Amino acid sequence: MRKKTDVEMERQKVTKATRTLIRLKHSLAADEEINNILPDTLDEFDDAIANGKLLELKADLAEAFA
């Protein structure tokens, strides 16, 4: 295996940093969405349990990407 040149290493750094920042942006957006949805979803589940009903998870891939 050959060593990468300084140019190749710098290009690799730019690629990695760009990918990391994009992933971080989407991860932070996901955290916000989870914070907006999950508490209400869990409250609904807990209310159903308190009323003697067991709610089942119903989700599909198409719904996740809508």
N, C-alpha and C. Protein backbone atom coordinates (compact mmCIF):
# COMPACT_ATOMS: atom_id res chain seq x y z
N MET A 1 0.86 -1.18 0.00
CA MET A 1 0.00 0.00 0.00
C MET A 1 0.90 1.24 0.00
N ARG A 2 0.55 2.20 -0.83
CA ARG A 2 1.37 3.41 -0.91
C ARG A 2 0.84 4.49 0.03
N LYS A 3 1.72 5.38 0.43
CA LYS A 3 1.31 6.51 1.25
C LYS A 3 0.56 7.51 0.38
N LYS A 4 -0.40 8.17 0.98
CA LYS A 4 -1.13 9.21 0.27
C LYS A 4 -0.28 10.48 0.25
N THR A 5 -0.49 11.26 -0.79
CA THR A 5 0.22 12.54 -0.88
C THR A 5 -0.43 13.54 0.07
N ASP A 6 0.24 14.67 0.28
CA ASP A 6 -0.33 15.72 1.12
C ASP A 6 -1.65 16.21 0.54
N VAL A 7 -1.74 16.31 -0.76
CA VAL A 7 -2.98 16.75 -1.42
C VAL A 7 -4.09 15.73 -1.18
N GLU A 8 -3.80 14.46 -1.31
CA GLU A 8 -4.80 13.41 -1.07
C GLU A 8 -5.27 13.41 0.37
N MET A 9 -4.34 13.61 1.29
CA MET A 9 -4.71 13.65 2.71
C MET A 9 -5.60 14.86 3.01
N GLU A 10 -5.27 16.01 2.42
CA GLU A 10 -6.08 17.20 2.65
C GLU A 10 -7.48 17.02 2.05
N ARG A 11 -7.55 16.40 0.87
CA ARG A 11 -8.84 16.13 0.23
C ARG A 11 -9.67 15.20 1.09
N GLN A 12 -9.02 14.21 1.67
CA GLN A 12 -9.70 13.26 2.56
C GLN A 12 -10.23 13.98 3.80
N LYS A 13 -9.46 14.92 4.34
CA LYS A 13 -9.90 15.70 5.50
C LYS A 13 -11.15 16.52 5.17
N VAL A 14 -11.15 17.16 4.00
CA VAL A 14 -12.30 17.96 3.59
C VAL A 14 -13.52 17.07 3.44
N THR A 15 -13.35 15.92 2.83
CA THR A 15 -14.45 14.97 2.64
C THR A 15 -15.01 14.52 3.98
N LYS A 16 -14.15 14.14 4.89
CA LYS A 16 -14.60 13.64 6.19
C LYS A 16 -15.30 14.74 6.98
N ALA A 17 -14.74 15.93 6.98
CA ALA A 17 -15.35 17.03 7.73
C ALA A 17 -16.72 17.39 7.16
N THR A 18 -16.83 17.43 5.85
CA THR A 18 -18.10 17.74 5.21
C THR A 18 -19.15 16.70 5.55
N ARG A 19 -18.80 15.44 5.43
CA ARG A 19 -19.75 14.37 5.76
C ARG A 19 -20.18 14.44 7.22
N THR A 20 -19.23 14.69 8.10
CA THR A 20 -19.52 14.76 9.54
C THR A 20 -20.47 15.91 9.85
N LEU A 21 -20.25 17.08 9.24
CA LEU A 21 -21.11 18.23 9.48
C LEU A 21 -22.53 17.99 8.96
N ILE A 22 -22.64 17.36 7.82
CA ILE A 22 -23.97 17.04 7.28
C ILE A 22 -24.69 16.06 8.19
N ARG A 23 -23.99 15.04 8.65
CA ARG A 23 -24.61 14.06 9.56
C ARG A 23 -25.02 14.73 10.87
N LEU A 24 -24.18 15.62 11.38
CA LEU A 24 -24.50 16.33 12.62
C LEU A 24 -25.75 17.19 12.44
N LYS A 25 -25.85 17.90 11.32
CA LYS A 25 -27.01 18.74 11.05
C LYS A 25 -28.29 17.91 11.11
N HIS A 26 -28.29 16.77 10.47
CA HIS A 26 -29.49 15.93 10.44
C HIS A 26 -29.74 15.27 11.80
N SER A 27 -28.69 14.95 12.51
CA SER A 27 -28.84 14.37 13.85
C SER A 27 -29.48 15.38 14.81
N LEU A 28 -29.05 16.63 14.73
CA LEU A 28 -29.64 17.67 15.59
C LEU A 28 -31.10 17.92 15.23
N ALA A 29 -31.41 17.90 13.94
CA ALA A 29 -32.81 18.06 13.53
C ALA A 29 -33.65 16.89 14.02
N ALA A 30 -33.09 15.69 13.97
CA ALA A 30 -33.81 14.51 14.46
C ALA A 30 -34.05 14.62 15.97
N ASP A 31 -33.06 15.11 16.70
CA ASP A 31 -33.23 15.30 18.15
C ASP A 31 -34.40 16.24 18.44
N GLU A 32 -34.51 17.31 17.68
CA GLU A 32 -35.61 18.26 17.87
C GLU A 32 -36.96 17.61 17.56
N GLU A 33 -37.01 16.87 16.46
CA GLU A 33 -38.27 16.21 16.09
C GLU A 33 -38.67 15.18 17.14
N ILE A 34 -37.71 14.42 17.62
CA ILE A 34 -37.98 13.43 18.67
C ILE A 34 -38.52 14.13 19.91
N ASN A 35 -37.91 15.25 20.28
CA ASN A 35 -38.34 16.00 21.46
C ASN A 35 -39.76 16.54 21.28
N ASN A 36 -40.12 16.87 20.05
CA ASN A 36 -41.47 17.40 19.78
C ASN A 36 -42.54 16.31 19.75
N ILE A 37 -42.17 15.09 19.41
CA ILE A 37 -43.16 14.03 19.20
C ILE A 37 -43.18 12.98 20.32
N LEU A 38 -42.04 12.56 20.78
CA LEU A 38 -41.98 11.42 21.71
C LEU A 38 -42.72 11.64 23.03
N PRO A 39 -42.59 12.77 23.70
CA PRO A 39 -43.32 12.92 24.97
C PRO A 39 -44.83 12.73 24.81
N ASP A 40 -45.44 13.31 23.76
CA ASP A 40 -46.87 13.14 23.54
C ASP A 40 -47.22 11.69 23.23
N THR A 41 -46.37 11.05 22.45
CA THR A 41 -46.60 9.65 22.11
C THR A 41 -46.56 8.78 23.36
N LEU A 42 -45.60 9.02 24.23
CA LEU A 42 -45.51 8.24 25.47
C LEU A 42 -46.66 8.55 26.42
N ASP A 43 -47.09 9.82 26.45
CA ASP A 43 -48.27 10.16 27.26
C ASP A 43 -49.50 9.41 26.77
N GLU A 44 -49.68 9.35 25.46
CA GLU A 44 -50.81 8.62 24.88
C GLU A 44 -50.74 7.14 25.25
N PHE A 45 -49.55 6.57 25.19
CA PHE A 45 -49.37 5.17 25.55
C PHE A 45 -49.70 4.95 27.03
N ASP A 46 -49.17 5.82 27.89
CA ASP A 46 -49.41 5.69 29.33
C ASP A 46 -50.89 5.85 29.67
N ASP A 47 -51.57 6.78 29.01
CA ASP A 47 -53.01 6.97 29.23
C ASP A 47 -53.78 5.71 28.84
N ALA A 48 -53.40 5.11 27.73
CA ALA A 48 -54.08 3.88 27.29
C ALA A 48 -53.86 2.77 28.31
N ILE A 49 -52.65 2.62 28.82
CA ILE A 49 -52.35 1.60 29.83
C ILE A 49 -53.19 1.85 31.08
N ALA A 50 -53.29 3.11 31.49
CA ALA A 50 -54.08 3.46 32.67
C ALA A 50 -55.55 3.09 32.49
N ASN A 51 -56.01 3.06 31.24
CA ASN A 51 -57.40 2.69 30.93
C ASN A 51 -57.53 1.23 30.54
N GLY A 52 -56.49 0.45 30.79
CA GLY A 52 -56.55 -0.99 30.55
C GLY A 52 -56.38 -1.41 29.10
N LYS A 53 -55.83 -0.53 28.27
CA LYS A 53 -55.62 -0.86 26.86
C LYS A 53 -54.11 -0.89 26.58
N LEU A 54 -53.72 -1.82 25.75
CA LEU A 54 -52.33 -1.89 25.33
C LEU A 54 -52.24 -1.46 23.86
N LEU A 55 -51.63 -0.31 23.64
CA LEU A 55 -51.46 0.16 22.27
C LEU A 55 -50.29 -0.57 21.63
N GLU A 56 -50.42 -0.86 20.35
CA GLU A 56 -49.35 -1.52 19.62
C GLU A 56 -48.68 -0.53 18.69
N LEU A 57 -47.40 -0.69 18.52
CA LEU A 57 -46.66 0.15 17.59
C LEU A 57 -47.05 -0.19 16.18
N LYS A 58 -47.45 0.83 15.43
CA LYS A 58 -47.79 0.63 14.02
C LYS A 58 -47.05 1.71 13.23
N ALA A 59 -46.06 1.30 12.52
CA ALA A 59 -45.29 2.21 11.69
C ALA A 59 -44.79 1.46 10.49
N ASP A 60 -44.62 2.19 9.40
CA ASP A 60 -44.06 1.54 8.23
C ASP A 60 -42.99 2.44 7.62
N LEU A 61 -42.20 1.88 6.75
CA LEU A 61 -41.08 2.59 6.17
C LEU A 61 -41.55 3.80 5.34
N ALA A 62 -42.63 3.64 4.61
CA ALA A 62 -43.15 4.74 3.79
C ALA A 62 -43.54 5.93 4.68
N GLU A 63 -44.13 5.63 5.83
CA GLU A 63 -44.53 6.68 6.77
C GLU A 63 -43.30 7.41 7.32
N ALA A 64 -42.23 6.68 7.54
CA ALA A 64 -41.02 7.27 8.10
C ALA A 64 -40.36 8.26 7.14
N PHE A 65 -40.57 8.07 5.84
CA PHE A 65 -39.94 8.94 4.86
C PHE A 65 -40.92 9.90 4.20
N ALA A 66 -42.10 10.02 4.78
CA ALA A 66 -43.12 10.92 4.21
C ALA A 66 -42.83 12.35 4.59
